Amino acid sequence: MANPDVSRVLASVPTGLWIGGEERSAASTFDVVNPATDEVLVSIANATAADAIAALVDDAAAKGARV
């Protein structure tokens, strides 16, 4: 990647899952590709249904709901 500003921004992008107020890794990732060049910009977490349920449970618990 030629532009250092773009590289700096992409390096600051969280690539994990944000669940329960913390970043978590995922079992797998997928690439975000620049459609003009087919260059992989960044690989990010690929959430599963279990990850989505964990996020919902954590959110409900943070709001005082019983799950």
PDB file of N, CA and C in Angstrom:
ATOM      1  N   MET A   1       0.857  -1.163   0.000  1.00  0.00           N
ATOM      2  CA  MET A   1       0.000   0.000   0.000  1.00  0.00           C
ATOM      3  C   MET A   1       0.906   1.229   0.000  1.00  0.00           C
ATOM      4  N   ALA A   2       0.731   2.076  -0.955  1.00  0.00           N
ATOM      5  CA  ALA A   2       1.648   3.190  -1.163  1.00  0.00           C
ATOM      6  C   ALA A   2       1.379   4.376  -0.240  1.00  0.00           C
ATOM      7  N   ASN A   3       0.142   4.620   0.119  1.00  0.00           N
ATOM      8  CA  ASN A   3      -0.200   5.807   0.899  1.00  0.00           C
ATOM      9  C   ASN A   3      -0.049   5.525   2.392  1.00  0.00           C
ATOM     10  N   PRO A   4       0.904   6.197   3.072  1.00  0.00           N
ATOM     11  CA  PRO A   4       1.108   5.935   4.502  1.00  0.00           C
ATOM     12  C   PRO A   4      -0.089   6.333   5.365  1.00  0.00           C
ATOM     13  N   ASP A   5      -0.861   7.332   4.928  1.00  0.00           N
ATOM     14  CA  ASP A   5      -2.046   7.724   5.699  1.00  0.00           C
ATOM     15  C   ASP A   5      -3.095   6.611   5.686  1.00  0.00           C
ATOM     16  N   VAL A   6      -3.282   5.998   4.537  1.00  0.00           N
ATOM     17  CA  VAL A   6      -4.237   4.890   4.433  1.00  0.00           C
ATOM     18  C   VAL A   6      -3.748   3.718   5.271  1.00  0.00           C
ATOM     19  N   SER A   7      -2.482   3.424   5.199  1.00  0.00           N
ATOM     20  CA  SER A   7      -1.917   2.325   5.997  1.00  0.00           C
ATOM     21  C   SER A   7      -2.121   2.569   7.483  1.00  0.00           C
ATOM     22  N   ARG A   8      -1.928   3.803   7.925  1.00  0.00           N
ATOM     23  CA  ARG A   8      -2.085   4.146   9.346  1.00  0.00           C
ATOM     24  C   ARG A   8      -3.540   3.981   9.780  1.00  0.00           C
ATOM     25  N   VAL A   9      -4.462   4.421   8.939  1.00  0.00           N
ATOM     26  CA  VAL A   9      -5.890   4.283   9.276  1.00  0.00           C
ATOM     27  C   VAL A   9      -6.276   2.814   9.338  1.00  0.00           C
ATOM     28  N   LEU A  10      -5.863   2.044   8.344  1.00  0.00           N
ATOM     29  CA  LEU A  10      -6.213   0.622   8.332  1.00  0.00           C
ATOM     30  C   LEU A  10      -5.598  -0.112   9.518  1.00  0.00           C
ATOM     31  N   ALA A  11      -4.411   0.276   9.941  1.00  0.00           N
ATOM     32  CA  ALA A  11      -3.768  -0.359  11.093  1.00  0.00           C
ATOM     33  C   ALA A  11      -4.528  -0.066  12.387  1.00  0.00           C
ATOM     34  N   SER A  12      -5.294   1.023  12.399  1.00  0.00           N
ATOM     35  CA  SER A  12      -6.033   1.392  13.617  1.00  0.00           C
ATOM     36  C   SER A  12      -7.423   0.767  13.682  1.00  0.00           C
ATOM     37  N   VAL A  13      -7.848   0.112  12.615  1.00  0.00           N
ATOM     38  CA  VAL A  13      -9.180  -0.493  12.569  1.00  0.00           C
ATOM     39  C   VAL A  13      -9.201  -1.748  13.439  1.00  0.00           C
ATOM     40  N   PRO A  14     -10.143  -1.822  14.393  1.00  0.00           N
ATOM     41  CA  PRO A  14     -10.264  -3.058  15.174  1.00  0.00           C
ATOM     42  C   PRO A  14     -10.651  -4.211  14.247  1.00  0.00           C
ATOM     43  N   THR A  15      -9.998  -5.329  14.405  1.00  0.00           N
ATOM     44  CA  THR A  15     -10.258  -6.456  13.511  1.00  0.00           C
ATOM     45  C   THR A  15     -10.916  -7.635  14.221  1.00  0.00           C
ATOM     46  N   GLY A  16     -11.120  -7.507  15.515  1.00  0.00           N
ATOM     47  CA  GLY A  16     -11.770  -8.573  16.271  1.00  0.00           C
ATOM     48  C   GLY A  16     -13.251  -8.295  16.439  1.00  0.00           C
ATOM     49  N   LEU A  17     -13.865  -9.036  17.323  1.00  0.00           N
ATOM     50  CA  LEU A  17     -15.274  -8.858  17.660  1.00  0.00           C
ATOM     51  C   LEU A  17     -15.360  -8.019  18.908  1.00  0.00           C
ATOM     52  N   TRP A  18     -16.302  -7.109  18.979  1.00  0.00           N
ATOM     53  CA  TRP A  18     -16.478  -6.268  20.162  1.00  0.00           C
ATOM     54  C   TRP A  18     -17.667  -6.828  20.929  1.00  0.00           C
ATOM     55  N   ILE A  19     -17.380  -7.571  22.006  1.00  0.00           N
ATOM     56  CA  ILE A  19     -18.427  -8.228  22.797  1.00  0.00           C
ATOM     57  C   ILE A  19     -18.154  -7.966  24.270  1.00  0.00           C
ATOM     58  N   GLY A  20     -19.166  -7.501  24.970  1.00  0.00           N
ATOM     59  CA  GLY A  20     -19.032  -7.280  26.407  1.00  0.00           C
ATOM     60  C   GLY A  20     -18.004  -6.230  26.760  1.00  0.00           C
ATOM     61  N   GLY A  21     -17.844  -5.233  25.889  1.00  0.00           N
ATOM     62  CA  GLY A  21     -16.924  -4.145  26.183  1.00  0.00           C
ATOM     63  C   GLY A  21     -15.465  -4.466  25.944  1.00  0.00           C
ATOM     64  N   GLU A  22     -15.203  -5.570  25.245  1.00  0.00           N
ATOM     65  CA  GLU A  22     -13.815  -5.909  24.953  1.00  0.00           C
ATOM     66  C   GLU A  22     -13.704  -6.532  23.572  1.00  0.00           C
ATOM     67  N   GLU A  23     -12.526  -6.379  22.991  1.00  0.00           N
ATOM     68  CA  GLU A  23     -12.300  -6.984  21.690  1.00  0.00           C
ATOM     69  C   GLU A  23     -11.921  -8.444  21.874  1.00  0.00           C
ATOM     70  N   ARG A  24     -12.580  -9.306  21.120  1.00  0.00           N
ATOM     71  CA  ARG A  24     -12.316 -10.745  21.169  1.00  0.00           C
ATOM     72  C   ARG A  24     -11.926 -11.235  19.776  1.00  0.00           C
ATOM     73  N   SER A  25     -11.130 -12.268  19.766  1.00  0.00           N
ATOM     74  CA  SER A  25     -10.774 -12.857  18.472  1.00  0.00           C
ATOM     75  C   SER A  25     -11.911 -13.754  18.007  1.00  0.00           C
ATOM     76  N   ALA A  26     -11.854 -14.128  16.750  1.00  0.00           N
ATOM     77  CA  ALA A  26     -12.872 -15.002  16.173  1.00  0.00           C
ATOM     78  C   ALA A  26     -12.210 -16.282  15.682  1.00  0.00           C
ATOM     79  N   ALA A  27     -13.021 -17.274  15.434  1.00  0.00           N
ATOM     80  CA  ALA A  27     -12.500 -18.549  14.942  1.00  0.00           C
ATOM     81  C   ALA A  27     -11.957 -18.423  13.523  1.00  0.00           C
ATOM     82  N   SER A  28     -12.499 -17.467  12.773  1.00  0.00           N
ATOM     83  CA  SER A  28     -12.020 -17.264  11.408  1.00  0.00           C
ATOM     84  C   SER A  28     -12.104 -15.783  11.051  1.00  0.00           C
ATOM     85  N   THR A  29     -11.486 -15.440   9.939  1.00  0.00           N
ATOM     86  CA  THR A  29     -11.500 -14.062   9.452  1.00  0.00           C
ATOM     87  C   THR A  29     -11.865 -14.046   7.971  1.00  0.00           C
ATOM     88  N   PHE A  30     -12.145 -12.853   7.477  1.00  0.00           N
ATOM     89  CA  PHE A  30     -12.317 -12.677   6.038  1.00  0.00           C
ATOM     90  C   PHE A  30     -11.618 -11.394   5.622  1.00  0.00           C
ATOM     91  N   ASP A  31     -11.242 -11.342   4.359  1.00  0.00           N
ATOM     92  CA  ASP A  31     -10.493 -10.210   3.838  1.00  0.00           C
ATOM     93  C   ASP A  31     -11.421  -9.120   3.330  1.00  0.00           C
ATOM     94  N   VAL A  32     -11.045  -7.874   3.601  1.00  0.00           N
ATOM     95  CA  VAL A  32     -11.697  -6.712   3.006  1.00  0.00           C
ATOM     96  C   VAL A  32     -10.806  -6.290   1.849  1.00  0.00           C
ATOM     97  N   VAL A  33     -11.379  -6.272   0.657  1.00  0.00           N
ATOM     98  CA  VAL A  33     -10.601  -6.081  -0.568  1.00  0.00           C
ATOM     99  C   VAL A  33     -10.966  -4.754  -1.228  1.00  0.00           C
ATOM    100  N   ASN A  34      -9.945  -4.055  -1.708  1.00  0.00           N
ATOM    101  CA  ASN A  34     -10.163  -2.857  -2.508  1.00  0.00           C
ATOM    102  C   ASN A  34     -10.695  -3.317  -3.866  1.00  0.00           C
ATOM    103  N   PRO A  35     -11.928  -2.951  -4.226  1.00  0.00           N
ATOM    104  CA  PRO A  35     -12.503  -3.451  -5.480  1.00  0.00           C
ATOM    105  C   PRO A  35     -11.798  -2.920  -6.730  1.00  0.00           C
ATOM    106  N   ALA A  36     -11.107  -1.808  -6.591  1.00  0.00           N
ATOM    107  CA  ALA A  36     -10.426  -1.237  -7.755  1.00  0.00           C
ATOM    108  C   ALA A  36      -9.124  -1.963  -8.074  1.00  0.00           C
ATOM    109  N   THR A  37      -8.493  -2.526  -7.028  1.00  0.00           N
ATOM    110  CA  THR A  37      -7.163  -3.131  -7.234  1.00  0.00           C
ATOM    111  C   THR A  37      -7.095  -4.599  -6.840  1.00  0.00           C
ATOM    112  N   ASP A  38      -8.130  -5.109  -6.193  1.00  0.00           N
ATOM    113  CA  ASP A  38      -8.151  -6.461  -5.623  1.00  0.00           C
ATOM    114  C   ASP A  38      -7.112  -6.649  -4.523  1.00  0.00           C
ATOM    115  N   GLU A  39      -6.584  -5.546  -3.996  1.00  0.00           N
ATOM    116  CA  GLU A  39      -5.626  -5.609  -2.894  1.00  0.00           C
ATOM    117  C   GLU A  39      -6.372  -5.869  -1.587  1.00  0.00           C
ATOM    118  N   VAL A  40      -5.853  -6.794  -0.780  1.00  0.00           N
ATOM    119  CA  VAL A  40      -6.427  -7.037   0.537  1.00  0.00           C
ATOM    120  C   VAL A  40      -6.031  -5.868   1.438  1.00  0.00           C
ATOM    121  N   LEU A  41      -7.031  -5.175   1.962  1.00  0.00           N
ATOM    122  CA  LEU A  41      -6.777  -4.026   2.825  1.00  0.00           C
ATOM    123  C   LEU A  41      -6.565  -4.448   4.267  1.00  0.00           C
ATOM    124  N   VAL A  42      -7.411  -5.363   4.736  1.00  0.00           N
ATOM    125  CA  VAL A  42      -7.338  -5.825   6.122  1.00  0.00           C
ATOM    126  C   VAL A  42      -8.144  -7.114   6.235  1.00  0.00           C
ATOM    127  N   SER A  43      -7.781  -7.967   7.172  1.00  0.00           N
ATOM    128  CA  SER A  43      -8.566  -9.165   7.486  1.00  0.00           C
ATOM    129  C   SER A  43      -9.274  -8.917   8.804  1.00  0.00           C
ATOM    130  N   ILE A  44     -10.574  -9.167   8.834  1.00  0.00           N
ATOM    131  CA  ILE A  44     -11.350  -8.902  10.041  1.00  0.00           C
ATOM    132  C   ILE A  44     -12.085 -10.161  10.497  1.00  0.00           C
ATOM    133  N   ALA A  45     -12.532 -10.110  11.756  1.00  0.00           N
ATOM    134  CA  ALA A  45     -13.208 -11.253  12.368  1.00  0.00           C
ATOM    135  C   ALA A  45     -14.484 -11.605  11.629  1.00  0.00           C
ATOM    136  N   ASN A  46     -14.716 -12.884  11.504  1.00  0.00           N
ATOM    137  CA  ASN A  46     -15.921 -13.417  10.895  1.00  0.00           C
ATOM    138  C   ASN A  46     -16.761 -14.016  12.019  1.00  0.00           C
ATOM    139  N   ALA A  47     -17.760 -13.281  12.466  1.00  0.00           N
ATOM    140  CA  ALA A  47     -18.564 -13.705  13.610  1.00  0.00           C
ATOM    141  C   ALA A  47     -19.455 -14.890  13.261  1.00  0.00           C
ATOM    142  N   THR A  48     -19.678 -15.733  14.254  1.00  0.00           N
ATOM    143  CA  THR A  48     -20.572 -16.877  14.109  1.00  0.00           C
ATOM    144  C   THR A  48     -21.887 -16.579  14.827  1.00  0.00           C
ATOM    145  N   ALA A  49     -22.835 -17.473  14.689  1.00  0.00           N
ATOM    146  CA  ALA A  49     -24.102 -17.328  15.415  1.00  0.00           C
ATOM    147  C   ALA A  49     -23.842 -17.336  16.921  1.00  0.00           C
ATOM    148  N   ALA A  50     -22.899 -18.155  17.372  1.00  0.00           N
ATOM    149  CA  ALA A  50     -22.565 -18.207  18.800  1.00  0.00           C
ATOM    150  C   ALA A  50     -21.990 -16.870  19.270  1.00  0.00           C
ATOM    151  N   ASP A  51     -21.209 -16.217  18.435  1.00  0.00           N
ATOM    152  CA  ASP A  51     -20.680 -14.889  18.778  1.00  0.00           C
ATOM    153  C   ASP A  51     -21.819 -13.883  18.911  1.00  0.00           C
ATOM    154  N   ALA A  52     -22.780 -13.946  18.008  1.00  0.00           N
ATOM    155  CA  ALA A  52     -23.919 -13.035  18.059  1.00  0.00           C
ATOM    156  C   ALA A  52     -24.733 -13.256  19.333  1.00  0.00           C
ATOM    157  N   ILE A  53     -24.940 -14.504  19.700  1.00  0.00           N
ATOM    158  CA  ILE A  53     -25.679 -14.809  20.936  1.00  0.00           C
ATOM    159  C   ILE A  53     -24.906 -14.303  22.143  1.00  0.00           C
ATOM    160  N   ALA A  54     -23.592 -14.497  22.166  1.00  0.00           N
ATOM    161  CA  ALA A  54     -22.768 -14.001  23.277  1.00  0.00           C
ATOM    162  C   ALA A  54     -22.887 -12.486  23.392  1.00  0.00           C
ATOM    163  N   ALA A  55     -22.896 -11.782  22.261  1.00  0.00           N
ATOM    164  CA  ALA A  55     -23.034 -10.331  22.289  1.00  0.00           C
ATOM    165  C   ALA A  55     -24.399  -9.921  22.832  1.00  0.00           C
ATOM    166  N   LEU A  56     -25.447 -10.607  22.428  1.00  0.00           N
ATOM    167  CA  LEU A  56     -26.788 -10.294  22.918  1.00  0.00           C
ATOM    168  C   LEU A  56     -26.927 -10.580  24.411  1.00  0.00           C
ATOM    169  N   VAL A  57     -26.374 -11.697  24.862  1.00  0.00           N
ATOM    170  CA  VAL A  57     -26.428 -12.055  26.283  1.00  0.00           C
ATOM    171  C   VAL A  57     -25.659 -11.029  27.113  1.00  0.00           C
ATOM    172  N   ASP A  58     -24.468 -10.654  26.673  1.00  0.00           N
ATOM    173  CA  ASP A  58     -23.680  -9.658  27.398  1.00  0.00           C
ATOM    174  C   ASP A  58     -24.396  -8.319  27.451  1.00  0.00           C
ATOM    175  N   ASP A  59     -25.038  -7.916  26.332  1.00  0.00           N
ATOM    176  CA  ASP A  59     -25.754  -6.647  26.305  1.00  0.00           C
ATOM    177  C   ASP A  59     -26.952  -6.684  27.246  1.00  0.00           C
ATOM    178  N   ALA A  60     -27.685  -7.782  27.216  1.00  0.00           N
ATOM    179  CA  ALA A  60     -28.846  -7.907  28.102  1.00  0.00           C
ATOM    180  C   ALA A  60     -28.416  -7.876  29.558  1.00  0.00           C
ATOM    181  N   ALA A  61     -27.315  -8.569  29.875  1.00  0.00           N
ATOM    182  CA  ALA A  61     -26.828  -8.585  31.256  1.00  0.00           C
ATOM    183  C   ALA A  61     -26.382  -7.185  31.682  1.00  0.00           C
ATOM    184  N   ALA A  62     -25.770  -6.447  30.785  1.00  0.00           N
ATOM    185  CA  ALA A  62     -25.319  -5.083  31.101  1.00  0.00           C
ATOM    186  C   ALA A  62     -26.504  -4.172  31.375  1.00  0.00           C
ATOM    187  N   LYS A  63     -27.657  -4.508  30.789  1.00  0.00           N
ATOM    188  CA  LYS A  63     -28.864  -3.706  30.987  1.00  0.00           C
ATOM    189  C   LYS A  63     -29.711  -4.234  32.138  1.00  0.00           C
ATOM    190  N   GLY A  64     -29.208  -5.247  32.825  1.00  0.00           N
ATOM    191  CA  GLY A  64     -29.908  -5.782  33.989  1.00  0.00           C
ATOM    192  C   GLY A  64     -30.962  -6.824  33.684  1.00  0.00           C
ATOM    193  N   ALA A  65     -31.006  -7.293  32.475  1.00  0.00           N
ATOM    194  CA  ALA A  65     -32.004  -8.303  32.116  1.00  0.00           C
ATOM    195  C   ALA A  65     -31.529  -9.681  32.539  1.00  0.00           C
ATOM    196  N   ARG A  66     -32.432 -10.536  32.885  1.00  0.00           N
ATOM    197  CA  ARG A  66     -32.095 -11.927  33.175  1.00  0.00           C
ATOM    198  C   ARG A  66     -32.158 -12.713  31.894  1.00  0.00           C
ATOM    199  N   VAL A  67     -31.125 -13.504  31.663  1.00  0.00           N
ATOM    200  CA  VAL A  67     -31.078 -14.279  30.414  1.00  0.00           C
ATOM    201  C   VAL A  67     -30.969 -15.741  30.739  1.00  0.00           C
TER     202      VAL A  67
END
